[in-house]
PDB file of N, CA and C in Angstrom:
ATOM      1  N   MET A   1     -19.358   3.175 -13.024  1.00  0.00           N
ATOM      2  CA  MET A   1     -17.911   3.156 -12.967  1.00  0.00           C
ATOM      3  C   MET A   1     -17.403   2.413 -14.205  1.00  0.00           C
ATOM      4  N   SER A   2     -16.477   3.016 -14.898  1.00  0.00           N
ATOM      5  CA  SER A   2     -15.996   2.438 -16.147  1.00  0.00           C
ATOM      6  C   SER A   2     -14.978   1.333 -15.872  1.00  0.00           C
ATOM      7  N   ARG A   3     -14.690   0.600 -16.916  1.00  0.00           N
ATOM      8  CA  ARG A   3     -13.747  -0.514 -16.808  1.00  0.00           C
ATOM      9  C   ARG A   3     -12.346  -0.021 -16.453  1.00  0.00           C
ATOM     10  N   LYS A   4     -11.924   1.123 -17.022  1.00  0.00           N
ATOM     11  CA  LYS A   4     -10.593   1.665 -16.738  1.00  0.00           C
ATOM     12  C   LYS A   4     -10.452   2.052 -15.263  1.00  0.00           C
ATOM     13  N   VAL A   5     -11.482   2.655 -14.711  1.00  0.00           N
ATOM     14  CA  VAL A   5     -11.442   3.070 -13.311  1.00  0.00           C
ATOM     15  C   VAL A   5     -11.365   1.844 -12.402  1.00  0.00           C
ATOM     16  N   ARG A   6     -12.159   0.819 -12.698  1.00  0.00           N
ATOM     17  CA  ARG A   6     -12.131  -0.410 -11.896  1.00  0.00           C
ATOM     18  C   ARG A   6     -10.774  -1.083 -11.966  1.00  0.00           C
ATOM     19  N   LEU A   7     -10.179  -1.171 -13.161  1.00  0.00           N
ATOM     20  CA  LEU A   7      -8.860  -1.789 -13.297  1.00  0.00           C
ATOM     21  C   LEU A   7      -7.794  -0.967 -12.575  1.00  0.00           C
ATOM     22  N   GLY A   8      -7.891   0.353 -12.650  1.00  0.00           N
ATOM     23  CA  GLY A   8      -6.940   1.199 -11.933  1.00  0.00           C
ATOM     24  C   GLY A   8      -7.052   1.031 -10.434  1.00  0.00           C
ATOM     25  N   LEU A   9      -8.268   0.979  -9.925  1.00  0.00           N
ATOM     26  CA  LEU A   9      -8.501   0.761  -8.500  1.00  0.00           C
ATOM     27  C   LEU A   9      -7.974  -0.601  -8.065  1.00  0.00           C
ATOM     28  N   PHE A  10      -8.185  -1.601  -8.901  1.00  0.00           N
ATOM     29  CA  PHE A  10      -7.671  -2.938  -8.607  1.00  0.00           C
ATOM     30  C   PHE A  10      -6.150  -2.942  -8.587  1.00  0.00           C
ATOM     31  N   ALA A  11      -5.515  -2.272  -9.526  1.00  0.00           N
ATOM     32  CA  ALA A  11      -4.054  -2.234  -9.589  1.00  0.00           C
ATOM     33  C   ALA A  11      -3.467  -1.542  -8.360  1.00  0.00           C
ATOM     34  N   VAL A  12      -4.054  -0.422  -7.964  1.00  0.00           N
ATOM     35  CA  VAL A  12      -3.555   0.303  -6.787  1.00  0.00           C
ATOM     36  C   VAL A  12      -3.735  -0.536  -5.526  1.00  0.00           C
ATOM     37  N   SER A  13      -4.912  -1.092  -5.333  1.00  0.00           N
ATOM     38  CA  SER A  13      -5.157  -1.899  -4.127  1.00  0.00           C
ATOM     39  C   SER A  13      -4.311  -3.170  -4.147  1.00  0.00           C
ATOM     40  N   GLY A  14      -4.100  -3.762  -5.317  1.00  0.00           N
ATOM     41  CA  GLY A  14      -3.239  -4.941  -5.412  1.00  0.00           C
ATOM     42  C   GLY A  14      -1.794  -4.614  -5.076  1.00  0.00           C
ATOM     43  N   ALA A  15      -1.317  -3.457  -5.515  1.00  0.00           N
ATOM     44  CA  ALA A  15       0.054  -3.055  -5.204  1.00  0.00           C
ATOM     45  C   ALA A  15       0.217  -2.798  -3.706  1.00  0.00           C
ATOM     46  N   ILE A  16      -0.777  -2.159  -3.083  1.00  0.00           N
ATOM     47  CA  ILE A  16      -0.714  -1.915  -1.638  1.00  0.00           C
ATOM     48  C   ILE A  16      -0.734  -3.229  -0.870  1.00  0.00           C
ATOM     49  N   LEU A  17      -1.598  -4.145  -1.262  1.00  0.00           N
ATOM     50  CA  LEU A  17      -1.680  -5.441  -0.601  1.00  0.00           C
ATOM     51  C   LEU A  17      -0.382  -6.223  -0.757  1.00  0.00           C
ATOM     52  N   THR A  18       0.199  -6.195  -1.954  1.00  0.00           N
ATOM     53  CA  THR A  18       1.464  -6.896  -2.181  1.00  0.00           C
ATOM     54  C   THR A  18       2.571  -6.304  -1.322  1.00  0.00           C
ATOM     55  N   ALA A  19       2.634  -4.974  -1.214  1.00  0.00           N
ATOM     56  CA  ALA A  19       3.651  -4.326  -0.381  1.00  0.00           C
ATOM     57  C   ALA A  19       3.479  -4.711   1.084  1.00  0.00           C
ATOM     58  N   LEU A  20       2.240  -4.730   1.578  1.00  0.00           N
ATOM     59  CA  LEU A  20       1.993  -5.124   2.964  1.00  0.00           C
ATOM     60  C   LEU A  20       2.369  -6.581   3.218  1.00  0.00           C
ATOM     61  N   LEU A  21       2.083  -7.436   2.258  1.00  0.00           N
ATOM     62  CA  LEU A  21       2.407  -8.854   2.395  1.00  0.00           C
ATOM     63  C   LEU A  21       3.918  -9.072   2.429  1.00  0.00           C
ATOM     64  N   VAL A  22       4.644  -8.402   1.540  1.00  0.00           N
ATOM     65  CA  VAL A  22       6.105  -8.524   1.529  1.00  0.00           C
ATOM     66  C   VAL A  22       6.687  -7.973   2.824  1.00  0.00           C
ATOM     67  N   TRP A  23       6.182  -6.839   3.294  1.00  0.00           N
ATOM     68  CA  TRP A  23       6.661  -6.241   4.541  1.00  0.00           C
ATOM     69  C   TRP A  23       6.423  -7.181   5.728  1.00  0.00           C
ATOM     70  N   SER A  24       5.254  -7.841   5.762  1.00  0.00           N
ATOM     71  CA  SER A  24       4.955  -8.738   6.878  1.00  0.00           C
ATOM     72  C   SER A  24       5.820  -9.998   6.825  1.00  0.00           C
ATOM     73  N   PHE A  25       6.112 -10.512   5.636  1.00  0.00           N
ATOM     74  CA  PHE A  25       6.948 -11.715   5.536  1.00  0.00           C
ATOM     75  C   PHE A  25       8.401 -11.432   5.879  1.00  0.00           C
ATOM     76  N   THR A  26       8.892 -10.256   5.600  1.00  0.00           N
ATOM     77  CA  THR A  26      10.283  -9.946   5.937  1.00  0.00           C
ATOM     78  C   THR A  26      10.470  -9.749   7.438  1.00  0.00           C
ATOM     79  N   GLY A  27       9.412  -9.485   8.180  1.00  0.00           N
ATOM     80  CA  GLY A  27       9.509  -9.297   9.618  1.00  0.00           C
ATOM     81  C   GLY A  27       9.387 -10.577  10.423  1.00  0.00           C
ATOM     82  N   LEU A  28       9.192 -11.705   9.766  1.00  0.00           N
ATOM     83  CA  LEU A  28       9.038 -12.965  10.493  1.00  0.00           C
ATOM     84  C   LEU A  28      10.373 -13.469  11.024  1.00  0.00           C
ATOM     85  N   ARG A  29      10.313 -14.198  12.126  1.00  0.00           N
ATOM     86  CA  ARG A  29      11.517 -14.845  12.656  1.00  0.00           C
ATOM     87  C   ARG A  29      11.851 -16.060  11.809  1.00  0.00           C
ATOM     88  N   ALA A  30      13.038 -16.580  11.971  1.00  0.00           N
ATOM     89  CA  ALA A  30      13.454 -17.775  11.237  1.00  0.00           C
ATOM     90  C   ALA A  30      12.623 -18.970  11.687  1.00  0.00           C
ATOM     91  N   PHE A  31      12.436 -19.923  10.792  1.00  0.00           N
ATOM     92  CA  PHE A  31      11.636 -21.107  11.101  1.00  0.00           C
ATOM     93  C   PHE A  31      12.310 -21.889  12.231  1.00  0.00           C
ATOM     94  N   GLY A  32      11.547 -22.242  13.239  1.00  0.00           N
ATOM     95  CA  GLY A  32      12.064 -22.999  14.370  1.00  0.00           C
ATOM     96  C   GLY A  32      12.632 -22.145  15.477  1.00  0.00           C
ATOM     97  N   ASP A  33      12.654 -20.829  15.295  1.00  0.00           N
ATOM     98  CA  ASP A  33      13.166 -19.925  16.314  1.00  0.00           C
ATOM     99  C   ASP A  33      12.073 -19.702  17.351  1.00  0.00           C
ATOM    100  N   PHE A  34      12.307 -20.186  18.572  1.00  0.00           N
ATOM    101  CA  PHE A  34      11.296 -20.092  19.620  1.00  0.00           C
ATOM    102  C   PHE A  34      11.853 -19.276  20.774  1.00  0.00           C
ATOM    103  N   GLN A  35      11.149 -18.230  21.157  1.00  0.00           N
ATOM    104  CA  GLN A  35      11.619 -17.335  22.209  1.00  0.00           C
ATOM    105  C   GLN A  35      10.789 -17.427  23.485  1.00  0.00           C
ATOM    106  N   GLY A  36       9.764 -18.264  23.524  1.00  0.00           N
ATOM    107  CA  GLY A  36       8.869 -18.303  24.678  1.00  0.00           C
ATOM    108  C   GLY A  36       9.323 -19.266  25.753  1.00  0.00           C
ATOM    109  N   GLU A  37       9.010 -18.919  26.996  1.00  0.00           N
ATOM    110  CA  GLU A  37       9.346 -19.768  28.137  1.00  0.00           C
ATOM    111  C   GLU A  37       8.304 -20.864  28.359  1.00  0.00           C
ATOM    112  N   TYR A  38       7.070 -20.608  27.931  1.00  0.00           N
ATOM    113  CA  TYR A  38       5.965 -21.530  28.210  1.00  0.00           C
ATOM    114  C   TYR A  38       6.233 -22.932  27.647  1.00  0.00           C
ATOM    115  N   GLY A  39       6.753 -22.989  26.443  1.00  0.00           N
ATOM    116  CA  GLY A  39       7.046 -24.282  25.828  1.00  0.00           C
ATOM    117  C   GLY A  39       8.120 -25.056  26.562  1.00  0.00           C
ATOM    118  N   TRP A  40       9.173 -24.364  27.001  1.00  0.00           N
ATOM    119  CA  TRP A  40      10.248 -25.044  27.735  1.00  0.00           C
ATOM    120  C   TRP A  40       9.745 -25.539  29.087  1.00  0.00           C
ATOM    121  N   ILE A  41       8.921 -24.747  29.747  1.00  0.00           N
ATOM    122  CA  ILE A  41       8.381 -25.165  31.047  1.00  0.00           C
ATOM    123  C   ILE A  41       7.495 -26.395  30.874  1.00  0.00           C
ATOM    124  N   LEU A  42       6.623 -26.375  29.859  1.00  0.00           N
ATOM    125  CA  LEU A  42       5.745 -27.530  29.637  1.00  0.00           C
ATOM    126  C   LEU A  42       6.542 -28.784  29.286  1.00  0.00           C
ATOM    127  N   ASN A  43       7.593 -28.641  28.512  1.00  0.00           N
ATOM    128  CA  ASN A  43       8.415 -29.808  28.182  1.00  0.00           C
ATOM    129  C   ASN A  43       9.022 -30.423  29.426  1.00  0.00           C
ATOM    130  N   ASP A  44       9.389 -29.602  30.400  1.00  0.00           N
ATOM    131  CA  ASP A  44       9.986 -30.118  31.629  1.00  0.00           C
ATOM    132  C   ASP A  44       8.952 -30.670  32.609  1.00  0.00           C
ATOM    133  N   VAL A  45       7.789 -30.052  32.676  1.00  0.00           N
ATOM    134  CA  VAL A  45       6.833 -30.344  33.736  1.00  0.00           C
ATOM    135  C   VAL A  45       5.728 -31.318  33.318  1.00  0.00           C
ATOM    136  N   ALA A  46       5.265 -31.263  32.074  1.00  0.00           N
ATOM    137  CA  ALA A  46       4.064 -31.993  31.664  1.00  0.00           C
ATOM    138  C   ALA A  46       4.207 -33.506  31.813  1.00  0.00           C
ATOM    139  N   GLY A  47       5.344 -34.043  31.474  1.00  0.00           N
ATOM    140  CA  GLY A  47       5.518 -35.493  31.578  1.00  0.00           C
ATOM    141  C   GLY A  47       5.423 -35.995  33.002  1.00  0.00           C
ATOM    142  N   LYS A  48       6.004 -35.246  33.916  1.00  0.00           N
ATOM    143  CA  LYS A  48       5.986 -35.666  35.328  1.00  0.00           C
ATOM    144  C   LYS A  48       4.624 -35.424  35.984  1.00  0.00           C
ATOM    145  N   GLU A  49       4.002 -34.291  35.658  1.00  0.00           N
ATOM    146  CA  GLU A  49       2.717 -33.966  36.291  1.00  0.00           C
ATOM    147  C   GLU A  49       1.578 -34.834  35.783  1.00  0.00           C
ATOM    148  N   ARG A  50       1.526 -35.053  34.495  1.00  0.00           N
ATOM    149  CA  ARG A  50       0.387 -35.738  33.891  1.00  0.00           C
ATOM    150  C   ARG A  50       0.663 -37.188  33.521  1.00  0.00           C
ATOM    151  N   HIS A  51       1.863 -37.652  33.693  1.00  0.00           N
ATOM    152  CA  HIS A  51       2.261 -39.029  33.409  1.00  0.00           C
ATOM    153  C   HIS A  51       1.960 -39.404  31.951  1.00  0.00           C
ATOM    154  N   VAL A  52       2.430 -38.555  31.045  1.00  0.00           N
ATOM    155  CA  VAL A  52       2.246 -38.786  29.614  1.00  0.00           C
ATOM    156  C   VAL A  52       3.593 -38.718  28.917  1.00  0.00           C
ATOM    157  N   THR A  53       3.651 -39.289  27.738  1.00  0.00           N
ATOM    158  CA  THR A  53       4.863 -39.188  26.925  1.00  0.00           C
ATOM    159  C   THR A  53       4.696 -38.172  25.817  1.00  0.00           C
ATOM    160  N   ASN A  54       3.451 -37.744  25.566  1.00  0.00           N
ATOM    161  CA  ASN A  54       3.165 -36.788  24.508  1.00  0.00           C
ATOM    162  C   ASN A  54       2.736 -35.473  25.143  1.00  0.00           C
ATOM    163  N   VAL A  55       3.602 -34.472  25.070  1.00  0.00           N
ATOM    164  CA  VAL A  55       3.317 -33.185  25.701  1.00  0.00           C
ATOM    165  C   VAL A  55       2.144 -32.484  25.021  1.00  0.00           C
ATOM    166  N   VAL A  56       2.029 -32.641  23.712  1.00  0.00           N
ATOM    167  CA  VAL A  56       0.937 -31.985  22.986  1.00  0.00           C
ATOM    168  C   VAL A  56      -0.411 -32.502  23.474  1.00  0.00           C
ATOM    169  N   ALA A  57      -0.540 -33.796  23.650  1.00  0.00           N
ATOM    170  CA  ALA A  57      -1.799 -34.367  24.130  1.00  0.00           C
ATOM    171  C   ALA A  57      -2.113 -33.895  25.543  1.00  0.00           C
ATOM    172  N   SER A  58      -1.091 -33.771  26.395  1.00  0.00           N
ATOM    173  CA  SER A  58      -1.356 -33.302  27.755  1.00  0.00           C
ATOM    174  C   SER A  58      -1.806 -31.844  27.767  1.00  0.00           C
ATOM    175  N   VAL A  59      -1.258 -31.032  26.873  1.00  0.00           N
ATOM    176  CA  VAL A  59      -1.684 -29.629  26.795  1.00  0.00           C
ATOM    177  C   VAL A  59      -3.129 -29.548  26.323  1.00  0.00           C
ATOM    178  N   VAL A  60      -3.470 -30.324  25.304  1.00  0.00           N
ATOM    179  CA  VAL A  60      -4.815 -30.261  24.735  1.00  0.00           C
ATOM    180  C   VAL A  60      -5.858 -30.791  25.715  1.00  0.00           C
ATOM    181  N   PHE A  61      -5.587 -31.905  26.349  1.00  0.00           N
ATOM    182  CA  PHE A  61      -6.616 -32.537  27.160  1.00  0.00           C
ATOM    183  C   PHE A  61      -6.558 -32.186  28.643  1.00  0.00           C
ATOM    184  N   ASP A  62      -5.415 -31.768  29.172  1.00  0.00           N
ATOM    185  CA  ASP A  62      -5.320 -31.461  30.601  1.00  0.00           C
ATOM    186  C   ASP A  62      -5.225 -29.970  30.880  1.00  0.00           C
ATOM    187  N   TYR A  63      -4.261 -29.309  30.289  1.00  0.00           N
ATOM    188  CA  TYR A  63      -4.059 -27.899  30.586  1.00  0.00           C
ATOM    189  C   TYR A  63      -5.111 -27.015  29.933  1.00  0.00           C
ATOM    190  N   ARG A  64      -5.566 -27.377  28.757  1.00  0.00           N
ATOM    191  CA  ARG A  64      -6.596 -26.590  28.068  1.00  0.00           C
ATOM    192  C   ARG A  64      -7.884 -27.399  27.955  1.00  0.00           C
ATOM    193  N   GLY A  65      -8.230 -28.120  28.967  1.00  0.00           N
ATOM    194  CA  GLY A  65      -9.363 -29.044  28.925  1.00  0.00           C
ATOM    195  C   GLY A  65     -10.704 -28.382  28.682  1.00  0.00           C
ATOM    196  N   PHE A  66     -10.951 -27.238  29.328  1.00  0.00           N
ATOM    197  CA  PHE A  66     -12.250 -26.582  29.155  1.00  0.00           C
ATOM    198  C   PHE A  66     -12.406 -26.046  27.739  1.00  0.00           C
ATOM    199  N   ASP A  67     -11.337 -25.519  27.188  1.00  0.00           N
ATOM    200  CA  ASP A  67     -11.374 -25.029  25.817  1.00  0.00           C
ATOM    201  C   ASP A  67     -11.665 -26.180  24.854  1.00  0.00           C
ATOM    202  N   THR A  68     -10.980 -27.299  25.051  1.00  0.00           N
ATOM    203  CA  THR A  68     -11.198 -28.467  24.201  1.00  0.00           C
ATOM    204  C   THR A  68     -12.609 -29.013  24.377  1.00  0.00           C
ATOM    205  N   LEU A  69     -13.110 -28.992  25.600  1.00  0.00           N
ATOM    206  CA  LEU A  69     -14.475 -29.452  25.857  1.00  0.00           C
ATOM    207  C   LEU A  69     -15.480 -28.592  25.094  1.00  0.00           C
ATOM    208  N   GLY A  70     -15.253 -27.286  25.060  1.00  0.00           N
ATOM    209  CA  GLY A  70     -16.130 -26.395  24.293  1.00  0.00           C
ATOM    210  C   GLY A  70     -16.091 -26.699  22.807  1.00  0.00           C
ATOM    211  N   GLU A  71     -14.890 -26.943  22.272  1.00  0.00           N
ATOM    212  CA  GLU A  71     -14.774 -27.275  20.855  1.00  0.00           C
ATOM    213  C   GLU A  71     -15.467 -28.605  20.550  1.00  0.00           C
ATOM    214  N   ASP A  72     -15.310 -29.573  21.452  1.00  0.00           N
ATOM    215  CA  ASP A  72     -15.982 -30.861  21.257  1.00  0.00           C
ATOM    216  C   ASP A  72     -17.494 -30.707  21.291  1.00  0.00           C
ATOM    217  N   PHE A  73     -17.992 -29.851  22.165  1.00  0.00           N
ATOM    218  CA  PHE A  73     -19.435 -29.624  22.231  1.00  0.00           C
ATOM    219  C   PHE A  73     -19.945 -28.992  20.937  1.00  0.00           C
ATOM    220  N   ILE A  74     -19.191 -28.056  20.377  1.00  0.00           N
ATOM    221  CA  ILE A  74     -19.584 -27.442  19.106  1.00  0.00           C
ATOM    222  C   ILE A  74     -19.625 -28.494  18.008  1.00  0.00           C
ATOM    223  N   LEU A  75     -18.609 -29.355  17.960  1.00  0.00           N
ATOM    224  CA  LEU A  75     -18.593 -30.424  16.958  1.00  0.00           C
ATOM    225  C   LEU A  75     -19.768 -31.378  17.165  1.00  0.00           C
ATOM    226  N   PHE A  76     -20.055 -31.741  18.407  1.00  0.00           N
ATOM    227  CA  PHE A  76     -21.175 -32.628  18.709  1.00  0.00           C
ATOM    228  C   PHE A  76     -22.500 -32.008  18.277  1.00  0.00           C
ATOM    229  N   ALA A  77     -22.689 -30.720  18.557  1.00  0.00           N
ATOM    230  CA  ALA A  77     -23.928 -30.036  18.179  1.00  0.00           C
ATOM    231  C   ALA A  77     -24.072 -29.982  16.654  1.00  0.00           C
ATOM    232  N   ALA A  78     -22.978 -29.761  15.936  1.00  0.00           N
ATOM    233  CA  ALA A  78     -23.035 -29.728  14.477  1.00  0.00           C
ATOM    234  C   ALA A  78     -23.411 -31.087  13.913  1.00  0.00           C
ATOM    235  N   VAL A  79     -22.824 -32.141  14.457  1.00  0.00           N
ATOM    236  CA  VAL A  79     -23.130 -33.494  13.978  1.00  0.00           C
ATOM    237  C   VAL A  79     -24.584 -33.854  14.282  1.00  0.00           C
ATOM    238  N   MET A  80     -25.055 -33.497  15.460  1.00  0.00           N
ATOM    239  CA  MET A  80     -26.451 -33.781  15.798  1.00  0.00           C
ATOM    240  C   MET A  80     -27.410 -33.002  14.904  1.00  0.00           C
ATOM    241  N   GLY A  81     -27.069 -31.766  14.576  1.00  0.00           N
ATOM    242  CA  GLY A  81     -27.903 -30.976  13.667  1.00  0.00           C
ATOM    243  C   GLY A  81     -27.989 -31.596  12.289  1.00  0.00           C
ATOM    244  N   VAL A  82     -26.863 -32.054  11.768  1.00  0.00           N
ATOM    245  CA  VAL A  82     -26.858 -32.701  10.449  1.00  0.00           C
ATOM    246  C   VAL A  82     -27.647 -33.999  10.500  1.00  0.00           C
ATOM    247  N   ALA A  83     -27.465 -34.773  11.564  1.00  0.00           N
ATOM    248  CA  ALA A  83     -28.218 -36.023  11.696  1.00  0.00           C
ATOM    249  C   ALA A  83     -29.714 -35.759  11.771  1.00  0.00           C
ATOM    250  N   LEU A  84     -30.106 -34.722  12.474  1.00  0.00           N
ATOM    251  CA  LEU A  84     -31.517 -34.371  12.574  1.00  0.00           C
ATOM    252  C   LEU A  84     -32.083 -33.972  11.215  1.00  0.00           C
ATOM    253  N   LEU A  85     -31.334 -33.187  10.467  1.00  0.00           N
ATOM    254  CA  LEU A  85     -31.799 -32.782   9.136  1.00  0.00           C
ATOM    255  C   LEU A  85     -31.908 -33.980   8.201  1.00  0.00           C
ATOM    256  N   LEU A  86     -30.940 -34.876   8.238  1.00  0.00           N
ATOM    257  CA  LEU A  86     -30.989 -36.050   7.364  1.00  0.00           C
ATOM    258  C   LEU A  86     -32.095 -37.003   7.780  1.00  0.00           C
ATOM    259  N   ARG A  87     -32.330 -37.126   9.069  1.00  0.00           N
ATOM    260  CA  ARG A  87     -33.408 -37.990   9.544  1.00  0.00           C
ATOM    261  C   ARG A  87     -34.755 -37.467   9.069  1.00  0.00           C
ATOM    262  N   GLU A  88     -34.930 -36.156   9.137  1.00  0.00           N
ATOM    263  CA  GLU A  88     -36.178 -35.545   8.707  1.00  0.00           C
ATOM    264  C   GLU A  88     -36.412 -35.794   7.218  1.00  0.00           C
ATOM    265  N   ALA A  89     -35.386 -35.702   6.415  1.00  0.00           N
ATOM    266  CA  ALA A  89     -35.513 -35.958   4.979  1.00  0.00           C
ATOM    267  C   ALA A  89     -35.842 -37.425   4.728  1.00  0.00           C
ATOM    268  N   ARG A  90     -35.226 -38.321   5.499  1.00  0.00           N
ATOM    269  CA  ARG A  90     -35.493 -39.740   5.325  1.00  0.00           C
ATOM    270  C   ARG A  90     -36.942 -40.059   5.693  1.00  0.00           C
ATOM    271  N   ASP A  91     -37.443 -39.460   6.782  1.00  0.00           N
ATOM    272  CA  ASP A  91     -38.829 -39.694   7.186  1.00  0.00           C
ATOM    273  C   ASP A  91     -39.804 -39.218   6.119  1.00  0.00           C
ATOM    274  N   ASP A  92     -39.531 -38.072   5.513  1.00  0.00           N
ATOM    275  CA  ASP A  92     -40.396 -37.566   4.442  1.00  0.00           C
ATOM    276  C   ASP A  92     -40.403 -38.516   3.260  1.00  0.00           C
ATOM    277  N   ARG A  93     -39.235 -39.040   2.894  1.00  0.00           N
ATOM    278  CA  ARG A  93     -39.143 -39.959   1.765  1.00  0.00           C
ATOM    279  C   ARG A  93     -39.900 -41.255   2.064  1.00  0.00           C
ATOM    280  N   GLU A  94     -39.786 -41.756   3.302  1.00  0.00           N
ATOM    281  CA  GLU A  94     -40.498 -42.975   3.670  1.00  0.00           C
ATOM    282  C   GLU A  94     -42.007 -42.749   3.654  1.00  0.00           C
ATOM    283  N   ARG A  95     -42.465 -41.585   4.091  1.00  0.00           N
ATOM    284  CA  ARG A  95     -43.899 -41.289   4.053  1.00  0.00           C
ATOM    285  C   ARG A  95     -44.401 -41.257   2.619  1.00  0.00           C
ATOM    286  N   ARG A  96     -43.620 -40.625   1.730  1.00  0.00           N
ATOM    287  CA  ARG A  96     -44.028 -40.574   0.322  1.00  0.00           C
ATOM    288  C   ARG A  96     -44.102 -41.973  -0.280  1.00  0.00           C
ATOM    289  N   GLU A  97     -43.108 -42.810   0.035  1.00  0.00           N
ATOM    290  CA  GLU A  97     -43.100 -44.172  -0.494  1.00  0.00           C
ATOM    291  C   GLU A  97     -44.283 -44.962   0.049  1.00  0.00           C
ATOM    292  N   THR A  98     -44.613 -44.796   1.316  1.00  0.00           N
ATOM    293  CA  THR A  98     -45.756 -45.487   1.911  1.00  0.00           C
ATOM    294  C   THR A  98     -47.051 -45.008   1.279  1.00  0.00           C
ATOM    295  N   ARG A  99     -47.159 -43.698   1.073  1.00  0.00           N
ATOM    296  CA  ARG A  99     -48.351 -43.136   0.449  1.00  0.00           C
ATOM    297  C   ARG A  99     -48.518 -43.679  -0.973  1.00  0.00           C
ATOM    298  N   CYS A 100     -47.405 -43.768  -1.721  1.00  0.00           N
ATOM    299  CA  CYS A 100     -47.476 -44.295  -3.086  1.00  0.00           C
ATOM    300  C   CYS A 100     -47.859 -45.770  -3.076  1.00  0.00           C
ATOM    301  N   ALA A 101     -47.340 -46.534  -2.104  1.00  0.00           N
ATOM    302  CA  ALA A 101     -47.667 -47.956  -2.032  1.00  0.00           C
ATOM    303  C   ALA A 101     -49.138 -48.154  -1.689  1.00  0.00           C
ATOM    304  N   VAL A 102     -49.681 -47.326  -0.800  1.00  0.00           N
ATOM    305  CA  VAL A 102     -51.096 -47.416  -0.435  1.00  0.00           C
ATOM    306  C   VAL A 102     -51.963 -47.063  -1.637  1.00  0.00           C
ATOM    307  N   THR A 103     -51.575 -46.027  -2.374  1.00  0.00           N
ATOM    308  CA  THR A 103     -52.332 -45.621  -3.551  1.00  0.00           C
ATOM    309  C   THR A 103     -52.318 -46.718  -4.605  1.00  0.00           C
ATOM    310  N   ARG A 104     -51.174 -47.354  -4.812  1.00  0.00           N
ATOM    311  CA  ARG A 104     -51.096 -48.450  -5.790  1.00  0.00           C
ATOM    312  C   ARG A 104     -51.947 -49.635  -5.374  1.00  0.00           C
ATOM    313  N   SER A 105     -51.943 -49.957  -4.066  1.00  0.00           N
ATOM    314  CA  SER A 105     -52.724 -51.098  -3.617  1.00  0.00           C
ATOM    315  C   SER A 105     -54.223 -50.831  -3.731  1.00  0.00           C
ATOM    316  N   ARG A 106     -54.646 -49.583  -3.561  1.00  0.00           N
ATOM    317  CA  ARG A 106     -56.066 -49.250  -3.717  1.00  0.00           C
ATOM    318  C   ARG A 106     -56.493 -49.337  -5.176  1.00  0.00           C
ATOM    319  N   ARG A 107     -55.602 -48.977  -6.077  1.00  0.00           N
ATOM    320  CA  ARG A 107     -55.945 -49.036  -7.501  1.00  0.00           C
ATOM    321  C   ARG A 107     -56.097 -50.463  -7.980  1.00  0.00           C
ATOM    322  N   SER A 108     -55.287 -51.373  -7.419  1.00  0.00           N
ATOM    323  CA  SER A 108     -55.348 -52.761  -7.867  1.00  0.00           C
ATOM    324  C   SER A 108     -56.578 -53.474  -7.321  1.00  0.00           C
ATOM    325  N   VAL A 109     -57.192 -52.982  -6.283  1.00  0.00           N
ATOM    326  CA  VAL A 109     -58.362 -53.636  -5.684  1.00  0.00           C
ATOM    327  C   VAL A 109     -59.591 -53.356  -6.434  1.00  0.00           C
TER     328      VAL A 109
END
């Protein structure tokens, strides 16, 4: 494929993508325009039901608790995996240092 064909293909696809992006941005609602009932209901009910002053925290930890628990488990598993990998590297380095120290002590004897 020649350079002209690649540039032409890029120009056409870029123009289509730009048109789609402009079309999608013009269809957005105004900032702060909220049409859902769920938010108004939670604002009225969450403070009394959960005895909290922060509705966002009550939604995250009480109403969506299982979802948050799953996300926390994923984060915990990732941290444990990284810790395991770093521990393994540290153990290898300590073994090498011990081996070098033993070799040096044998040479001096």
